Amino acid sequence: MPFDREREMFKATCGDCGNECEIPFKPKEDRPVYCKECFQTHREN
């Protein structure tokens, strides 16, 4: 069974910079999501 199916992406707004981004999971209302750049910053701290 091949796994070449595209991952469903969801549009979201970054909780830090406010830019629109796409994430591979459905965002929850009570948790902020971050774009790739802001996520890296949060991960390093």
C-alpha atoms as a PDB file:
ATOM      1  CA  MET A   1       0.000   0.000   0.000  1.00  0.00           C
ATOM      2  CA  PRO A   2       1.779   3.190  -1.152  1.00  0.00           C
ATOM      3  CA  PHE A   3       1.968   6.250   1.055  1.00  0.00           C
ATOM      4  CA  ASP A   4       2.120   8.852  -1.705  1.00  0.00           C
ATOM      5  CA  ARG A   5      -1.114  10.547  -0.601  1.00  0.00           C
ATOM      6  CA  GLU A   6      -0.827  14.291  -0.080  1.00  0.00           C
ATOM      7  CA  ARG A   7      -1.101  15.400   3.528  1.00  0.00           C
ATOM      8  CA  GLU A   8      -4.118  17.622   4.150  1.00  0.00           C
ATOM      9  CA  MET A   9      -3.037  21.155   4.986  1.00  0.00           C
ATOM     10  CA  PHE A  10      -5.003  23.762   6.932  1.00  0.00           C
ATOM     11  CA  LYS A  11      -4.713  27.528   6.717  1.00  0.00           C
ATOM     12  CA  ALA A  12      -3.861  29.274   9.975  1.00  0.00           C
ATOM     13  CA  THR A  13      -2.588  32.616  11.236  1.00  0.00           C
ATOM     14  CA  CYS A  14       0.698  32.637  13.129  1.00  0.00           C
ATOM     15  CA  GLY A  15       0.253  33.537  16.797  1.00  0.00           C
ATOM     16  CA  ASP A  16       3.494  35.573  16.780  1.00  0.00           C
ATOM     17  CA  CYS A  17       3.975  37.401  13.495  1.00  0.00           C
ATOM     18  CA  GLY A  18       0.378  37.244  12.218  1.00  0.00           C
ATOM     19  CA  ASN A  19       1.342  35.854   8.803  1.00  0.00           C
ATOM     20  CA  GLU A  20      -0.912  33.312   7.162  1.00  0.00           C
ATOM     21  CA  CYS A  21       0.620  29.853   6.982  1.00  0.00           C
ATOM     22  CA  GLU A  22      -0.363  26.277   6.244  1.00  0.00           C
ATOM     23  CA  ILE A  23      -0.058  23.556   8.859  1.00  0.00           C
ATOM     24  CA  PRO A  24      -0.494  19.771   8.561  1.00  0.00           C
ATOM     25  CA  PHE A  25      -3.109  19.560  11.337  1.00  0.00           C
ATOM     26  CA  LYS A  26      -6.414  21.208  12.175  1.00  0.00           C
ATOM     27  CA  PRO A  27      -5.719  24.131  14.544  1.00  0.00           C
ATOM     28  CA  LYS A  28      -7.473  24.245  17.904  1.00  0.00           C
ATOM     29  CA  GLU A  29      -9.115  27.487  18.995  1.00  0.00           C
ATOM     30  CA  ASP A  30      -7.480  27.440  22.454  1.00  0.00           C
ATOM     31  CA  ARG A  31      -3.887  26.954  21.259  1.00  0.00           C
ATOM     32  CA  PRO A  32      -1.779  29.311  19.127  1.00  0.00           C
ATOM     33  CA  VAL A  33      -0.078  28.026  15.998  1.00  0.00           C
ATOM     34  CA  TYR A  34       3.153  29.362  14.569  1.00  0.00           C
ATOM     35  CA  CYS A  35       4.609  29.660  11.087  1.00  0.00           C
ATOM     36  CA  LYS A  36       7.778  27.696  10.358  1.00  0.00           C
ATOM     37  CA  GLU A  37      10.100  30.594  11.265  1.00  0.00           C
ATOM     38  CA  CYS A  38       8.374  31.475  14.553  1.00  0.00           C
ATOM     39  CA  PHE A  39       8.074  27.788  15.498  1.00  0.00           C
ATOM     40  CA  GLN A  40      11.862  27.410  15.196  1.00  0.00           C
ATOM     41  CA  THR A  41      12.326  30.418  17.507  1.00  0.00           C
ATOM     42  CA  HIS A  42       9.973  28.951  20.119  1.00  0.00           C
ATOM     43  CA  ARG A  43      11.671  25.579  19.866  1.00  0.00           C
ATOM     44  CA  GLU A  44      15.135  27.031  20.516  1.00  0.00           C
ATOM     45  CA  ASN A  45      14.029  28.898  23.667  1.00  0.00           C
END
